[in-house]
Amino acid sequence: MAVWQGFGFGMLVTLAFHGVLLPMFHWAPPLWELPPAEWASETFGHLLWIWVIEVIRRDLQQRWSPGPG
């Protein structure tokens, strides 16, 4: 996964959850009603956990892949 693909996915997750799903079920206000600091925090959090998941996935894939010979 390229860095920009991860960034795009993180933005998509932020928009899908905080822009659509959470407001639709009245679990949270939509992004445009959140203070900028909270919007930035949510976006950064999504980008960070997606990056961590990718780092762990790559490590596990490397460990579990059969080596030569």
PDB file of N, CA and C in Angstrom:
ATOM      1  N   MET A   1       0.855  -1.180   0.000  1.00  0.00           N
ATOM      2  CA  MET A   1       0.000   0.000   0.000  1.00  0.00           C
ATOM      3  C   MET A   1       0.890   1.228   0.000  1.00  0.00           C
ATOM      4  N   ALA A   2       0.680   2.083  -0.935  1.00  0.00           N
ATOM      5  CA  ALA A   2       1.450   3.315  -1.012  1.00  0.00           C
ATOM      6  C   ALA A   2       0.952   4.297   0.045  1.00  0.00           C
ATOM      7  N   VAL A   3       1.826   5.220   0.401  1.00  0.00           N
ATOM      8  CA  VAL A   3       1.472   6.211   1.420  1.00  0.00           C
ATOM      9  C   VAL A   3       0.213   6.966   1.033  1.00  0.00           C
ATOM     10  N   TRP A   4       0.112   7.371  -0.224  1.00  0.00           N
ATOM     11  CA  TRP A   4      -1.048   8.169  -0.644  1.00  0.00           C
ATOM     12  C   TRP A   4      -2.323   7.341  -0.674  1.00  0.00           C
ATOM     13  N   GLN A   5      -2.211   6.031  -0.928  1.00  0.00           N
ATOM     14  CA  GLN A   5      -3.402   5.181  -0.866  1.00  0.00           C
ATOM     15  C   GLN A   5      -3.909   5.117   0.571  1.00  0.00           C
ATOM     16  N   GLY A   6      -2.997   4.980   1.514  1.00  0.00           N
ATOM     17  CA  GLY A   6      -3.379   4.955   2.925  1.00  0.00           C
ATOM     18  C   GLY A   6      -3.996   6.268   3.368  1.00  0.00           C
ATOM     19  N   PHE A   7      -3.427   7.370   2.891  1.00  0.00           N
ATOM     20  CA  PHE A   7      -3.973   8.684   3.211  1.00  0.00           C
ATOM     21  C   PHE A   7      -5.389   8.818   2.664  1.00  0.00           C
ATOM     22  N   GLY A   8      -5.570   8.406   1.418  1.00  0.00           N
ATOM     23  CA  GLY A   8      -6.902   8.466   0.806  1.00  0.00           C
ATOM     24  C   GLY A   8      -7.904   7.608   1.546  1.00  0.00           C
ATOM     25  N   PHE A   9      -7.483   6.410   1.949  1.00  0.00           N
ATOM     26  CA  PHE A   9      -8.378   5.523   2.687  1.00  0.00           C
ATOM     27  C   PHE A   9      -8.727   6.124   4.046  1.00  0.00           C
ATOM     28  N   GLY A  10      -7.746   6.721   4.708  1.00  0.00           N
ATOM     29  CA  GLY A  10      -8.006   7.373   5.996  1.00  0.00           C
ATOM     30  C   GLY A  10      -9.003   8.511   5.867  1.00  0.00           C
ATOM     31  N   MET A  11      -8.879   9.288   4.807  1.00  0.00           N
ATOM     32  CA  MET A  11      -9.828  10.378   4.575  1.00  0.00           C
ATOM     33  C   MET A  11     -11.215   9.824   4.270  1.00  0.00           C
ATOM     34  N   LEU A  12     -11.266   8.752   3.500  1.00  0.00           N
ATOM     35  CA  LEU A  12     -12.545   8.117   3.176  1.00  0.00           C
ATOM     36  C   LEU A  12     -13.231   7.594   4.437  1.00  0.00           C
ATOM     37  N   VAL A  13     -12.468   6.975   5.324  1.00  0.00           N
ATOM     38  CA  VAL A  13     -13.024   6.477   6.585  1.00  0.00           C
ATOM     39  C   VAL A  13     -13.573   7.638   7.411  1.00  0.00           C
ATOM     40  N   THR A  14     -12.814   8.713   7.499  1.00  0.00           N
ATOM     41  CA  THR A  14     -13.267   9.884   8.258  1.00  0.00           C
ATOM     42  C   THR A  14     -14.571  10.428   7.689  1.00  0.00           C
ATOM     43  N   LEU A  15     -14.623  10.605   6.384  1.00  0.00           N
ATOM     44  CA  LEU A  15     -15.833  11.149   5.758  1.00  0.00           C
ATOM     45  C   LEU A  15     -17.011  10.189   5.874  1.00  0.00           C
ATOM     46  N   ALA A  16     -16.763   8.898   5.691  1.00  0.00           N
ATOM     47  CA  ALA A  16     -17.853   7.918   5.753  1.00  0.00           C
ATOM     48  C   ALA A  16     -18.442   7.829   7.156  1.00  0.00           C
ATOM     49  N   PHE A  17     -17.584   7.770   8.161  1.00  0.00           N
ATOM     50  CA  PHE A  17     -18.093   7.599   9.513  1.00  0.00           C
ATOM     51  C   PHE A  17     -18.571   8.904  10.125  1.00  0.00           C
ATOM     52  N   HIS A  18     -17.733   9.941  10.084  1.00  0.00           N
ATOM     53  CA  HIS A  18     -18.085  11.191  10.756  1.00  0.00           C
ATOM     54  C   HIS A  18     -18.915  12.121   9.886  1.00  0.00           C
ATOM     55  N   GLY A  19     -18.970  11.849   8.598  1.00  0.00           N
ATOM     56  CA  GLY A  19     -19.790  12.663   7.719  1.00  0.00           C
ATOM     57  C   GLY A  19     -21.140  12.040   7.415  1.00  0.00           C
ATOM     58  N   VAL A  20     -21.239  10.686   7.533  1.00  0.00           N
ATOM     59  CA  VAL A  20     -22.477  10.007   7.142  1.00  0.00           C
ATOM     60  C   VAL A  20     -23.027   9.116   8.259  1.00  0.00           C
ATOM     61  N   LEU A  21     -22.303   8.051   8.604  1.00  0.00           N
ATOM     62  CA  LEU A  21     -22.859   7.026   9.498  1.00  0.00           C
ATOM     63  C   LEU A  21     -23.164   7.519  10.911  1.00  0.00           C
ATOM     64  N   LEU A  22     -22.211   8.144  11.563  1.00  0.00           N
ATOM     65  CA  LEU A  22     -22.448   8.594  12.935  1.00  0.00           C
ATOM     66  C   LEU A  22     -23.574   9.627  13.016  1.00  0.00           C
ATOM     67  N   PRO A  23     -23.615  10.644  12.137  1.00  0.00           N
ATOM     68  CA  PRO A  23     -24.743  11.577  12.174  1.00  0.00           C
ATOM     69  C   PRO A  23     -26.079  10.923  11.806  1.00  0.00           C
ATOM     70  N   MET A  24     -26.066   9.963  10.887  1.00  0.00           N
ATOM     71  CA  MET A  24     -27.302   9.317  10.452  1.00  0.00           C
ATOM     72  C   MET A  24     -28.004   8.614  11.614  1.00  0.00           C
ATOM     73  N   PHE A  25     -27.227   8.035  12.522  1.00  0.00           N
ATOM     74  CA  PHE A  25     -27.807   7.339  13.675  1.00  0.00           C
ATOM     75  C   PHE A  25     -27.833   8.220  14.926  1.00  0.00           C
ATOM     76  N   HIS A  26     -27.504   9.497  14.768  1.00  0.00           N
ATOM     77  CA  HIS A  26     -27.514  10.476  15.863  1.00  0.00           C
ATOM     78  C   HIS A  26     -26.541  10.095  16.975  1.00  0.00           C
ATOM     79  N   TRP A  27     -25.420   9.488  16.591  1.00  0.00           N
ATOM     80  CA  TRP A  27     -24.395   9.124  17.566  1.00  0.00           C
ATOM     81  C   TRP A  27     -23.370  10.235  17.734  1.00  0.00           C
ATOM     82  N   ALA A  28     -23.270  11.118  16.758  1.00  0.00           N
ATOM     83  CA  ALA A  28     -22.321  12.233  16.803  1.00  0.00           C
ATOM     84  C   ALA A  28     -22.765  13.277  15.789  1.00  0.00           C
ATOM     85  N   PRO A  29     -22.379  14.533  16.014  1.00  0.00           N
ATOM     86  CA  PRO A  29     -22.713  15.557  15.016  1.00  0.00           C
ATOM     87  C   PRO A  29     -21.873  15.360  13.755  1.00  0.00           C
ATOM     88  N   PRO A  30     -22.346  15.859  12.617  1.00  0.00           N
ATOM     89  CA  PRO A  30     -21.559  15.741  11.380  1.00  0.00           C
ATOM     90  C   PRO A  30     -20.271  16.563  11.459  1.00  0.00           C
ATOM     91  N   LEU A  31     -19.354  16.243  10.574  1.00  0.00           N
ATOM     92  CA  LEU A  31     -18.044  16.910  10.569  1.00  0.00           C
ATOM     93  C   LEU A  31     -18.153  18.426  10.539  1.00  0.00           C
ATOM     94  N   TRP A  32     -19.069  18.945   9.734  1.00  0.00           N
ATOM     95  CA  TRP A  32     -19.158  20.399   9.571  1.00  0.00           C
ATOM     96  C   TRP A  32     -19.664  21.101  10.831  1.00  0.00           C
ATOM     97  N   GLU A  33     -20.166  20.355  11.812  1.00  0.00           N
ATOM     98  CA  GLU A  33     -20.580  20.958  13.081  1.00  0.00           C
ATOM     99  C   GLU A  33     -19.530  20.777  14.179  1.00  0.00           C
ATOM    100  N   LEU A  34     -18.466  20.054  13.893  1.00  0.00           N
ATOM    101  CA  LEU A  34     -17.406  19.840  14.875  1.00  0.00           C
ATOM    102  C   LEU A  34     -16.416  20.997  14.839  1.00  0.00           C
ATOM    103  N   PRO A  35     -15.807  21.296  15.996  1.00  0.00           N
ATOM    104  CA  PRO A  35     -14.738  22.303  15.989  1.00  0.00           C
ATOM    105  C   PRO A  35     -13.563  21.813  15.137  1.00  0.00           C
ATOM    106  N   PRO A  36     -12.836  22.724  14.511  1.00  0.00           N
ATOM    107  CA  PRO A  36     -11.710  22.313  13.653  1.00  0.00           C
ATOM    108  C   PRO A  36     -10.691  21.424  14.363  1.00  0.00           C
ATOM    109  N   ALA A  37     -10.430  21.680  15.632  1.00  0.00           N
ATOM    110  CA  ALA A  37      -9.453  20.858  16.358  1.00  0.00           C
ATOM    111  C   ALA A  37      -9.934  19.413  16.480  1.00  0.00           C
ATOM    112  N   GLU A  38     -11.219  19.216  16.708  1.00  0.00           N
ATOM    113  CA  GLU A  38     -11.748  17.855  16.812  1.00  0.00           C
ATOM    114  C   GLU A  38     -11.745  17.161  15.449  1.00  0.00           C
ATOM    115  N   TRP A  39     -12.076  17.892  14.403  1.00  0.00           N
ATOM    116  CA  TRP A  39     -12.046  17.326  13.053  1.00  0.00           C
ATOM    117  C   TRP A  39     -10.632  16.890  12.709  1.00  0.00           C
ATOM    118  N   ALA A  40      -9.656  17.749  13.024  1.00  0.00           N
ATOM    119  CA  ALA A  40      -8.255  17.421  12.748  1.00  0.00           C
ATOM    120  C   ALA A  40      -7.814  16.215  13.569  1.00  0.00           C
ATOM    121  N   SER A  41      -8.236  16.159  14.823  1.00  0.00           N
ATOM    122  CA  SER A  41      -7.880  15.031  15.685  1.00  0.00           C
ATOM    123  C   SER A  41      -8.458  13.722  15.165  1.00  0.00           C
ATOM    124  N   GLU A  42      -9.714  13.735  14.764  1.00  0.00           N
ATOM    125  CA  GLU A  42     -10.350  12.527  14.226  1.00  0.00           C
ATOM    126  C   GLU A  42      -9.654  12.069  12.945  1.00  0.00           C
ATOM    127  N   THR A  43      -9.357  13.007  12.069  1.00  0.00           N
ATOM    128  CA  THR A  43      -8.694  12.666  10.810  1.00  0.00           C
ATOM    129  C   THR A  43      -7.301  12.100  11.076  1.00  0.00           C
ATOM    130  N   PHE A  44      -6.534  12.763  11.929  1.00  0.00           N
ATOM    131  CA  PHE A  44      -5.194  12.278  12.260  1.00  0.00           C
ATOM    132  C   PHE A  44      -5.266  10.896  12.911  1.00  0.00           C
ATOM    133  N   GLY A  45      -6.229  10.694  13.794  1.00  0.00           N
ATOM    134  CA  GLY A  45      -6.389   9.389  14.438  1.00  0.00           C
ATOM    135  C   GLY A  45      -6.661   8.284  13.439  1.00  0.00           C
ATOM    136  N   HIS A  46      -7.532   8.539  12.475  1.00  0.00           N
ATOM    137  CA  HIS A  46      -7.814   7.528  11.450  1.00  0.00           C
ATOM    138  C   HIS A  46      -6.576   7.238  10.608  1.00  0.00           C
ATOM    139  N   LEU A  47      -5.869   8.276  10.218  1.00  0.00           N
ATOM    140  CA  LEU A  47      -4.655   8.074   9.423  1.00  0.00           C
ATOM    141  C   LEU A  47      -3.618   7.279  10.211  1.00  0.00           C
ATOM    142  N   LEU A  48      -3.492   7.576  11.501  1.00  0.00           N
ATOM    143  CA  LEU A  48      -2.515   6.876  12.335  1.00  0.00           C
ATOM    144  C   LEU A  48      -2.863   5.406  12.498  1.00  0.00           C
ATOM    145  N   TRP A  49      -4.120   5.076  12.822  1.00  0.00           N
ATOM    146  CA  TRP A  49      -4.427   3.659  13.037  1.00  0.00           C
ATOM    147  C   TRP A  49      -4.378   2.867  11.748  1.00  0.00           C
ATOM    148  N   ILE A  50      -4.694   3.482  10.628  1.00  0.00           N
ATOM    149  CA  ILE A  50      -4.574   2.768   9.352  1.00  0.00           C
ATOM    150  C   ILE A  50      -3.100   2.507   9.039  1.00  0.00           C
ATOM    151  N   TRP A  51      -2.237   3.465   9.330  1.00  0.00           N
ATOM    152  CA  TRP A  51      -0.805   3.270   9.120  1.00  0.00           C
ATOM    153  C   TRP A  51      -0.280   2.151  10.021  1.00  0.00           C
ATOM    154  N   VAL A  52      -0.682   2.137  11.293  1.00  0.00           N
ATOM    155  CA  VAL A  52      -0.244   1.091  12.223  1.00  0.00           C
ATOM    156  C   VAL A  52      -0.713  -0.282  11.749  1.00  0.00           C
ATOM    157  N   ILE A  53      -1.945  -0.383  11.310  1.00  0.00           N
ATOM    158  CA  ILE A  53      -2.455  -1.655  10.793  1.00  0.00           C
ATOM    159  C   ILE A  53      -1.615  -2.117   9.606  1.00  0.00           C
ATOM    160  N   GLU A  54      -1.254  -1.211   8.717  1.00  0.00           N
ATOM    161  CA  GLU A  54      -0.449  -1.582   7.550  1.00  0.00           C
ATOM    162  C   GLU A  54       0.945  -2.036   7.959  1.00  0.00           C
ATOM    163  N   VAL A  55       1.562  -1.377   8.926  1.00  0.00           N
ATOM    164  CA  VAL A  55       2.887  -1.787   9.404  1.00  0.00           C
ATOM    165  C   VAL A  55       2.820  -3.195   9.991  1.00  0.00           C
ATOM    166  N   ILE A  56       1.816  -3.467  10.805  1.00  0.00           N
ATOM    167  CA  ILE A  56       1.657  -4.795  11.404  1.00  0.00           C
ATOM    168  C   ILE A  56       1.361  -5.832  10.331  1.00  0.00           C
ATOM    169  N   ARG A  57       0.514  -5.497   9.371  1.00  0.00           N
ATOM    170  CA  ARG A  57       0.186  -6.435   8.294  1.00  0.00           C
ATOM    171  C   ARG A  57       1.429  -6.822   7.509  1.00  0.00           C
ATOM    172  N   ARG A  58       2.247  -5.834   7.172  1.00  0.00           N
ATOM    173  CA  ARG A  58       3.474  -6.122   6.420  1.00  0.00           C
ATOM    174  C   ARG A  58       4.431  -6.993   7.229  1.00  0.00           C
ATOM    175  N   ASP A  59       4.553  -6.710   8.519  1.00  0.00           N
ATOM    176  CA  ASP A  59       5.433  -7.509   9.369  1.00  0.00           C
ATOM    177  C   ASP A  59       4.956  -8.956   9.436  1.00  0.00           C
ATOM    178  N   LEU A  60       3.671  -9.150   9.670  1.00  0.00           N
ATOM    179  CA  LEU A  60       3.131 -10.510   9.743  1.00  0.00           C
ATOM    180  C   LEU A  60       3.251 -11.230   8.410  1.00  0.00           C
ATOM    181  N   GLN A  61       3.011 -10.523   7.331  1.00  0.00           N
ATOM    182  CA  GLN A  61       3.135 -11.137   6.007  1.00  0.00           C
ATOM    183  C   GLN A  61       4.570 -11.594   5.763  1.00  0.00           C
ATOM    184  N   GLN A  62       5.531 -10.779   6.157  1.00  0.00           N
ATOM    185  CA  GLN A  62       6.935 -11.137   5.978  1.00  0.00           C
ATOM    186  C   GLN A  62       7.299 -12.340   6.854  1.00  0.00           C
ATOM    187  N   ARG A  63       6.805 -12.383   8.080  1.00  0.00           N
ATOM    188  CA  ARG A  63       7.110 -13.498   8.983  1.00  0.00           C
ATOM    189  C   ARG A  63       6.482 -14.799   8.514  1.00  0.00           C
ATOM    190  N   TRP A  64       5.285 -14.721   7.963  1.00  0.00           N
ATOM    191  CA  TRP A  64       4.547 -15.930   7.595  1.00  0.00           C
ATOM    192  C   TRP A  64       4.818 -16.403   6.176  1.00  0.00           C
ATOM    193  N   SER A  65       5.460 -15.567   5.373  1.00  0.00           N
ATOM    194  CA  SER A  65       5.764 -15.980   3.997  1.00  0.00           C
ATOM    195  C   SER A  65       6.869 -17.028   4.023  1.00  0.00           C
ATOM    196  N   PRO A  66       6.707 -18.069   3.232  1.00  0.00           N
ATOM    197  CA  PRO A  66       7.766 -19.086   3.207  1.00  0.00           C
ATOM    198  C   PRO A  66       9.054 -18.502   2.625  1.00  0.00           C
ATOM    199  N   GLY A  67      10.145 -18.766   3.305  1.00  0.00           N
ATOM    200  CA  GLY A  67      11.437 -18.277   2.846  1.00  0.00           C
ATOM    201  C   GLY A  67      12.028 -19.185   1.779  1.00  0.00           C
ATOM    202  N   PRO A  68      13.119 -18.757   1.183  1.00  0.00           N
ATOM    203  CA  PRO A  68      13.759 -19.592   0.156  1.00  0.00           C
ATOM    204  C   PRO A  68      14.353 -20.864   0.768  1.00  0.00           C
ATOM    205  N   GLY A  69      14.216 -21.942   0.055  1.00  0.00           N
ATOM    206  CA  GLY A  69      14.818 -23.211   0.431  1.00  0.00           C
ATOM    207  C   GLY A  69      14.101 -23.876   1.514  1.00  0.00           C
TER     208      GLY A  69
END
